[in-house]
Amino acid sequence: MSDVQFAASPGHAKQIEPKSVSDLLLDPENPRLAEDGRALTDDQLLAKLYATEALDELAMSFARSGYFWEEPLVVVPHASAPGKYIVVEGNRRLAALKILLSDVKRAELNAADFPRLSAERATELRRVPTVEYTSRNDVVPYLGFRHITGAKKWEPYAKARYISQLVESGRSLGEIESLIGDGAKAVKKLYQAYVVFRQIRDELEEDVQNIKDSFSVLEVVLGQQPIKSHLAIPRKLPDMAVERVIGDEHLEDLREICLWVFGSKKGGIKPVIADSREISKLLAPTIANKESLEHLRATGDLQAAFERVGGERDYLTRQLTSATRAVERALAVSHQFGGDTALVSELDRLESAVKALGRVLRQ
């Protein structure tokens, strides 16, 4: 099978070669697996993949049909372990294979949902197809296109983290855009969002798990011009590596917005938005208006704050118009309930409120 060709990029055909699963290691730098500030061992990465990914489905496929040579693992040589390779694409598949082929791993992970292999299938799966690249840098165009702009996209946080890793390795954002074919500024938007995410985590010391899980919502927040102005974020997206996007004088504003949008499990604070659509429809215009912003800060009621966007007079006008329409609608059905004491009591309250309002407005 070693004569099979794999078109990795135009004009650079790669040869598919079988390698032993025992020589393949999971990728500690994979943006979906790596943990900030802590390097995970191969066993820890395996346990994380088993806990978070549906590996049993892959395992059933491998047990039933074997490994498809049309989907080789992409590997690079291990820097300090000759003969070993790091899998930079295909970690889920490798993890499923490692558990399938090892009774020890199966027992350690309590992988009771994994099928047992026949002796013939086990022998077959011990060597799998790979495409070898010289270094991680050589794989960037393929991984970037596949997982950022291509068909098998990573979740937003993993994309942003991968872009940040590339920037930290010395690549410019323009170079990354060119390598992966990004013409929609997705790379720069993701990078900016990741830098803000780091500031929330490191400078504000907030619990960021919910932000990580809903990273696309952070992108939506940072895409609203009123919010960008409120946080003094430049209109132009970054072109190169930056340490910070939000200045010291606006860090507490950033914390406030994060709590409104994401809430805080640690602090027992619920977000003021019900879904991400309210960021552009309600939150952004509320933040853009001084009176409505102060009302939101005082009450935590986004809808009521939004209704003040046009100022207190417009707010009062809307409330009076809404009340008039409500009374007119009630009048249409009132003939059915003449003499109802509960309704008469409610009417008395309404009349009292209207008289009080009249005394104020007719001064």
Protein backbone atom coordinates (compact mmCIF):
# COMPACT_ATOMS: atom_id res chain seq x y z
CA MET A 1 0.00 0.00 0.00
CA SER A 2 2.99 2.35 0.25
CA ASP A 3 2.63 3.48 -3.38
CA VAL A 4 -0.68 5.24 -2.72
CA GLN A 5 -0.46 8.99 -3.41
CA PHE A 6 -2.11 11.76 -1.40
CA ALA A 7 -2.44 15.21 -2.95
CA ALA A 8 -1.62 17.31 0.11
CA SER A 9 -1.35 20.55 -1.86
CA PRO A 10 -1.05 21.50 -5.55
CA GLY A 11 2.16 20.14 -6.96
CA HIS A 12 3.15 18.41 -3.71
CA ALA A 13 1.81 14.86 -3.77
CA LYS A 14 2.42 12.96 -0.54
CA GLN A 15 2.88 9.24 -0.25
CA ILE A 16 0.73 7.22 2.11
CA GLU A 17 2.80 4.89 4.27
CA PRO A 18 1.71 2.47 7.00
CA LYS A 19 3.01 3.11 10.50
CA SER A 20 2.56 1.20 13.75
CA VAL A 21 -0.06 2.62 16.12
CA SER A 22 2.44 2.04 18.94
CA ASP A 23 4.75 4.61 17.30
CA LEU A 24 2.05 7.29 17.04
CA LEU A 25 1.40 9.85 19.76
CA LEU A 26 -1.52 12.18 20.35
CA ASP A 27 -0.85 15.86 19.77
CA PRO A 28 -0.37 17.91 22.98
CA GLU A 29 -0.63 21.10 20.90
CA ASN A 30 -3.94 20.21 19.29
CA PRO A 31 -6.15 23.30 19.92
CA ARG A 32 -9.10 21.08 20.83
CA LEU A 33 -7.12 19.13 23.43
CA ALA A 34 -4.40 21.37 24.87
CA GLU A 35 -5.00 23.08 28.21
CA ASP A 36 -3.72 26.55 28.94
CA GLY A 37 -0.54 26.49 31.00
CA ARG A 38 -0.41 22.69 31.35
CA ALA A 39 1.18 20.13 29.03
CA LEU A 40 -0.78 16.87 28.96
CA THR A 41 0.81 13.44 28.61
CA ASP A 42 -0.29 10.95 25.96
CA ASP A 43 -2.32 9.05 28.57
CA GLN A 44 -3.99 12.26 29.77
CA LEU A 45 -4.83 13.25 26.21
CA LEU A 46 -6.29 9.79 25.61
CA ALA A 47 -8.46 10.05 28.73
CA LYS A 48 -9.64 13.51 27.70
CA LEU A 49 -10.60 12.34 24.22
CA TYR A 50 -12.43 9.32 25.61
CA ALA A 51 -14.35 11.55 28.04
CA THR A 52 -15.29 14.27 25.55
CA GLU A 53 -15.56 12.64 22.13
CA ALA A 54 -17.80 9.90 20.75
CA LEU A 55 -14.94 7.45 20.22
CA ASP A 56 -17.20 4.41 20.52
CA GLU A 57 -18.71 5.18 17.11
CA LEU A 58 -15.26 5.16 15.51
CA ALA A 59 -14.35 2.00 17.39
CA MET A 60 -17.44 0.19 16.07
CA SER A 61 -16.57 1.26 12.52
CA PHE A 62 -12.96 0.06 12.85
CA ALA A 63 -14.05 -3.27 14.34
CA ARG A 64 -16.62 -3.79 11.62
CA SER A 65 -14.91 -2.43 8.50
CA GLY A 66 -11.26 -1.85 9.36
CA TYR A 67 -9.39 1.40 8.73
CA PHE A 68 -10.10 3.24 5.49
CA TRP A 69 -6.87 4.04 3.68
CA GLU A 70 -8.60 7.00 2.05
CA GLU A 71 -8.29 8.80 5.43
CA PRO A 72 -4.62 8.64 6.44
CA LEU A 73 -3.41 10.16 9.69
CA VAL A 74 -1.21 13.23 9.20
CA VAL A 75 1.99 13.00 11.23
CA VAL A 76 5.23 14.84 11.96
CA PRO A 77 8.37 13.31 13.50
CA HIS A 78 8.65 13.63 17.29
CA ALA A 79 11.36 16.18 18.10
CA SER A 80 13.07 14.13 20.84
CA ALA A 81 11.94 10.53 20.32
CA PRO A 82 13.39 8.98 17.16
CA GLY A 83 10.98 6.62 15.43
CA LYS A 84 7.95 8.21 17.09
CA TYR A 85 5.48 10.51 15.39
CA ILE A 86 2.95 13.07 16.57
CA VAL A 87 -0.44 12.88 14.87
CA VAL A 88 -1.42 16.46 13.98
CA GLU A 89 -4.59 15.41 12.16
CA GLY A 90 -6.66 12.42 13.21
CA ASN A 91 -6.36 12.37 17.02
CA ARG A 92 -9.88 10.99 17.52
CA ARG A 93 -9.14 8.11 15.18
CA LEU A 94 -5.80 7.40 16.86
CA ALA A 95 -7.39 7.47 20.32
CA ALA A 96 -10.05 4.97 19.28
CA LEU A 97 -7.35 2.68 17.85
CA LYS A 98 -5.19 2.89 20.99
CA ILE A 99 -8.09 1.82 23.21
CA LEU A 100 -9.24 -0.91 20.83
CA LEU A 101 -5.76 -2.44 20.66
CA SER A 102 -4.90 -2.31 24.37
CA ASP A 103 -6.64 -4.25 27.12
CA VAL A 104 -4.74 -2.10 29.62
CA LYS A 105 -6.11 1.16 28.17
CA ARG A 106 -9.56 -0.33 27.89
CA ALA A 107 -9.48 -1.26 31.59
CA GLU A 108 -7.95 2.06 32.74
CA LEU A 109 -10.67 4.03 30.97
CA ASN A 110 -13.43 1.54 31.76
CA ALA A 111 -14.25 1.52 28.05
CA ALA A 112 -17.00 -1.08 28.29
CA ASP A 113 -18.69 0.42 25.23
CA PHE A 114 -15.79 -0.57 22.97
CA PRO A 115 -16.15 -3.77 20.90
CA ARG A 116 -13.71 -6.67 21.11
CA LEU A 117 -11.56 -7.22 18.04
CA SER A 118 -11.02 -10.49 16.27
CA ALA A 119 -7.37 -11.56 16.12
CA GLU A 120 -7.32 -10.88 12.38
CA ARG A 121 -8.81 -7.38 12.75
CA ALA A 122 -6.44 -6.52 15.60
CA THR A 123 -3.43 -7.48 13.48
CA GLU A 124 -4.75 -5.38 10.60
CA LEU A 125 -5.34 -2.30 12.77
CA ARG A 126 -1.91 -2.29 14.38
CA ARG A 127 -0.55 -0.55 11.27
CA VAL A 128 -2.49 2.32 9.75
CA PRO A 129 -1.99 4.69 6.81
CA THR A 130 -0.15 7.95 7.46
CA VAL A 131 1.06 10.95 5.53
CA GLU A 132 4.28 12.35 6.96
CA TYR A 133 5.24 16.01 6.92
CA THR A 134 8.68 17.30 7.94
CA SER A 135 7.36 19.82 10.48
CA ARG A 136 4.22 21.44 11.82
CA ASN A 137 4.85 24.50 9.67
CA ASP A 138 4.48 22.38 6.55
CA VAL A 139 1.01 21.26 7.66
CA VAL A 140 -0.39 24.75 8.28
CA PRO A 141 -2.04 25.27 4.87
CA TYR A 142 -3.76 21.87 5.05
CA LEU A 143 -4.95 22.13 8.67
CA GLY A 144 -5.96 25.76 8.30
CA PHE A 145 -8.05 25.15 5.21
CA ARG A 146 -9.56 21.93 6.55
CA HIS A 147 -10.57 23.22 9.98
CA ILE A 148 -11.00 27.00 9.66
CA THR A 149 -12.40 27.67 6.20
CA GLY A 150 -12.96 24.12 4.91
CA ALA A 151 -15.55 21.39 5.31
CA LYS A 152 -14.43 19.87 8.66
CA LYS A 153 -14.37 22.98 10.79
CA TRP A 154 -13.30 23.01 14.40
CA GLU A 155 -15.49 24.73 16.97
CA PRO A 156 -14.77 28.50 17.19
CA TYR A 157 -12.54 28.34 20.29
CA ALA A 158 -10.28 25.69 18.75
CA LYS A 159 -9.99 27.75 15.55
CA ALA A 160 -9.05 30.87 17.52
CA ARG A 161 -6.51 29.02 19.63
CA TYR A 162 -4.88 27.47 16.55
CA ILE A 163 -4.58 30.89 14.90
CA SER A 164 -3.02 32.26 18.09
CA GLN A 165 -0.51 29.39 18.11
CA LEU A 166 0.46 30.26 14.53
CA VAL A 167 0.86 33.94 15.40
CA GLU A 168 2.99 33.07 18.43
CA SER A 169 5.20 30.94 16.18
CA GLY A 170 6.05 34.08 14.20
CA ARG A 171 3.52 34.11 11.36
CA SER A 172 1.67 37.30 10.48
CA LEU A 173 -2.10 37.32 10.27
CA GLY A 174 -1.87 38.28 6.60
CA GLU A 175 0.35 35.25 5.95
CA ILE A 176 -2.10 32.97 7.77
CA GLU A 177 -5.01 34.37 5.76
CA SER A 178 -3.11 33.69 2.55
CA LEU A 179 -2.10 30.16 3.57
CA ILE A 180 -5.62 29.00 4.38
CA GLY A 181 -7.50 31.00 1.76
CA ASP A 182 -9.40 33.33 4.08
CA GLY A 183 -10.89 36.30 2.26
CA ALA A 184 -13.52 37.20 4.86
CA LYS A 185 -11.23 38.39 7.68
CA ALA A 186 -12.25 35.36 9.77
CA VAL A 187 -8.65 34.83 10.88
CA LYS A 188 -8.26 38.37 12.23
CA LYS A 189 -11.67 38.32 13.93
CA LEU A 190 -10.91 35.01 15.62
CA TYR A 191 -7.49 36.21 16.73
CA GLN A 192 -8.89 39.42 18.18
CA ALA A 193 -11.54 37.45 20.05
CA TYR A 194 -8.90 35.08 21.44
CA VAL A 195 -6.75 37.96 22.73
CA VAL A 196 -9.83 39.41 24.49
CA PHE A 197 -10.59 35.93 25.86
CA ARG A 198 -7.06 35.78 27.33
CA GLN A 199 -7.59 39.16 28.97
CA ILE A 200 -10.85 37.98 30.54
CA ARG A 201 -9.10 34.86 31.83
CA ASP A 202 -5.77 36.33 32.93
CA GLU A 203 -6.41 39.98 33.79
CA LEU A 204 -9.99 39.82 35.05
CA GLU A 205 -9.51 36.29 36.45
CA GLU A 206 -13.04 35.33 35.46
CA ASP A 207 -14.27 31.77 35.01
CA VAL A 208 -14.11 31.42 31.24
CA GLN A 209 -15.43 27.90 30.66
CA ASN A 210 -18.84 29.18 29.57
CA ILE A 211 -17.16 31.71 27.26
CA LYS A 212 -14.96 28.96 25.80
CA ASP A 213 -18.04 26.80 25.19
CA SER A 214 -19.86 29.71 23.50
CA PHE A 215 -16.88 31.37 21.86
CA SER A 216 -18.87 32.43 18.79
CA VAL A 217 -21.00 34.59 21.10
CA LEU A 218 -17.87 36.50 22.13
CA GLU A 219 -17.22 37.08 18.43
CA VAL A 220 -20.74 38.48 18.06
CA VAL A 221 -20.16 40.82 21.01
CA LEU A 222 -16.91 42.14 19.55
CA GLY A 223 -18.57 42.64 16.17
CA GLN A 224 -21.02 45.27 17.49
CA GLN A 225 -19.77 48.79 16.82
CA PRO A 226 -21.48 50.35 19.88
CA ILE A 227 -19.77 47.76 22.09
CA LYS A 228 -16.43 48.26 20.34
CA SER A 229 -16.74 52.01 20.92
CA HIS A 230 -17.68 51.45 24.56
CA LEU A 231 -14.55 49.33 25.06
CA ALA A 232 -12.38 51.59 22.85
CA ILE A 233 -11.53 48.72 20.49
CA PRO A 234 -9.98 50.03 17.25
CA ARG A 235 -12.15 49.73 14.15
CA LYS A 236 -9.27 48.08 12.31
CA LEU A 237 -8.65 44.43 13.11
CA PRO A 238 -5.11 43.47 14.21
CA ASP A 239 -2.53 42.74 11.49
CA MET A 240 0.10 41.28 13.78
CA ALA A 241 0.60 39.78 17.23
CA VAL A 242 -0.82 41.88 20.08
CA GLU A 243 -0.74 41.34 23.82
CA ARG A 244 -3.97 43.21 24.55
CA VAL A 245 -7.03 44.58 22.79
CA ILE A 246 -8.76 46.21 25.78
CA GLY A 247 -6.91 48.94 27.68
CA ASP A 248 -6.69 49.16 31.47
CA GLU A 249 -9.30 51.92 31.65
CA HIS A 250 -11.93 49.67 30.06
CA LEU A 251 -11.23 46.33 31.76
CA GLU A 252 -14.11 46.75 34.21
CA ASP A 253 -16.40 47.64 31.30
CA LEU A 254 -15.30 44.37 29.70
CA ARG A 255 -16.08 42.48 32.91
CA GLU A 256 -19.52 44.10 33.04
CA ILE A 257 -20.33 43.11 29.45
CA CYS A 258 -19.14 39.54 30.05
CA LEU A 259 -21.48 39.23 33.02
CA TRP A 260 -24.39 40.62 30.99
CA VAL A 261 -23.74 38.22 28.13
CA PHE A 262 -22.39 35.08 29.81
CA GLY A 263 -23.26 35.46 33.48
CA SER A 264 -21.05 33.88 36.12
CA LYS A 265 -21.46 30.41 37.60
CA LYS A 266 -18.92 31.24 40.26
CA GLY A 267 -20.76 34.41 41.25
CA GLY A 268 -24.24 33.00 40.77
CA ILE A 269 -25.01 35.73 38.23
CA LYS A 270 -27.36 35.07 35.33
CA PRO A 271 -26.89 36.81 31.96
CA VAL A 272 -29.32 39.56 30.99
CA ILE A 273 -29.72 38.23 27.45
CA ALA A 274 -31.93 35.26 26.62
CA ASP A 275 -30.09 34.37 23.40
CA SER A 276 -27.30 35.74 21.21
CA ARG A 277 -29.71 37.62 18.91
CA GLU A 278 -30.40 40.06 21.73
CA ILE A 279 -26.77 41.23 21.63
CA SER A 280 -27.33 43.20 18.43
CA LYS A 281 -31.05 43.89 18.90
CA LEU A 282 -31.06 44.99 22.55
CA LEU A 283 -27.69 45.08 24.28
CA ALA A 284 -25.63 47.03 21.73
CA PRO A 285 -28.15 49.91 21.35
CA THR A 286 -28.65 49.98 25.13
CA ILE A 287 -24.90 50.36 25.71
CA ALA A 288 -24.76 53.12 23.10
CA ASN A 289 -27.22 55.30 25.07
CA LYS A 290 -26.16 56.83 28.41
CA GLU A 291 -29.62 56.76 30.04
CA SER A 292 -30.39 53.20 28.99
CA LEU A 293 -26.92 52.01 30.03
CA GLU A 294 -27.35 53.48 33.50
CA HIS A 295 -30.76 51.84 33.82
CA LEU A 296 -29.28 48.47 32.86
CA ARG A 297 -26.54 48.90 35.44
CA ALA A 298 -29.05 49.84 38.12
CA THR A 299 -31.68 47.18 37.44
CA GLY A 300 -30.19 44.39 35.32
CA ASP A 301 -33.38 44.57 33.21
CA LEU A 302 -32.26 44.65 29.59
CA GLN A 303 -35.72 45.02 28.06
CA ALA A 304 -36.61 47.97 30.29
CA ALA A 305 -33.22 49.55 29.65
CA PHE A 306 -33.63 49.15 25.89
CA GLU A 307 -36.98 50.91 26.04
CA ARG A 308 -35.12 53.97 27.31
CA VAL A 309 -32.77 54.10 24.34
CA GLY A 310 -34.58 57.13 22.89
CA GLY A 311 -34.56 58.96 26.23
CA GLU A 312 -37.05 59.22 29.09
CA ARG A 313 -39.63 61.18 27.06
CA ASP A 314 -39.72 58.57 24.29
CA TYR A 315 -39.94 55.89 26.95
CA LEU A 316 -42.94 57.58 28.58
CA THR A 317 -44.61 58.04 25.20
CA ARG A 318 -44.23 54.36 24.40
CA GLN A 319 -45.60 53.35 27.79
CA LEU A 320 -48.67 55.61 27.42
CA THR A 321 -49.31 54.34 23.90
CA SER A 322 -49.01 50.74 25.06
CA ALA A 323 -51.36 51.37 28.02
CA THR A 324 -53.97 53.05 25.79
CA ARG A 325 -53.96 50.11 23.40
CA ALA A 326 -54.28 47.67 26.30
CA VAL A 327 -57.32 49.53 27.67
CA GLU A 328 -58.92 49.61 24.21
CA ARG A 329 -58.43 45.87 23.84
CA ALA A 330 -59.90 45.30 27.32
CA LEU A 331 -62.92 47.48 26.45
CA ALA A 332 -63.76 45.23 23.51
CA VAL A 333 -64.49 42.28 25.82
CA SER A 334 -65.56 44.10 29.00
CA HIS A 335 -69.31 43.77 28.31
CA GLN A 336 -69.10 40.07 29.26
CA PHE A 337 -67.98 40.77 32.84
CA GLY A 338 -70.17 43.55 34.22
CA GLY A 339 -70.25 43.51 38.02
CA ASP A 340 -67.17 41.26 38.41
CA THR A 341 -65.79 42.47 41.74
CA ALA A 342 -62.19 41.37 41.07
CA LEU A 343 -62.13 43.22 37.75
CA VAL A 344 -63.75 46.30 39.30
CA SER A 345 -61.04 46.30 41.96
CA GLU A 346 -58.34 46.16 39.27
CA LEU A 347 -60.11 48.97 37.41
CA ASP A 348 -60.03 51.11 40.55
CA ARG A 349 -56.26 50.66 40.72
CA LEU A 350 -55.98 51.67 37.08
CA GLU A 351 -58.13 54.77 37.57
CA SER A 352 -56.05 55.81 40.57
CA ALA A 353 -52.81 55.44 38.59
CA VAL A 354 -54.23 57.39 35.63
CA LYS A 355 -55.40 60.24 37.89
CA ALA A 356 -51.98 60.45 39.52
CA LEU A 357 -50.30 60.50 36.12
CA GLY A 358 -52.73 63.20 34.96
CA ARG A 359 -51.90 65.43 37.92
CA VAL A 360 -48.20 65.23 37.05
CA LEU A 361 -48.54 65.80 33.30
CA ARG A 362 -51.19 68.57 33.50
CA GLN A 363 -49.20 70.80 35.81
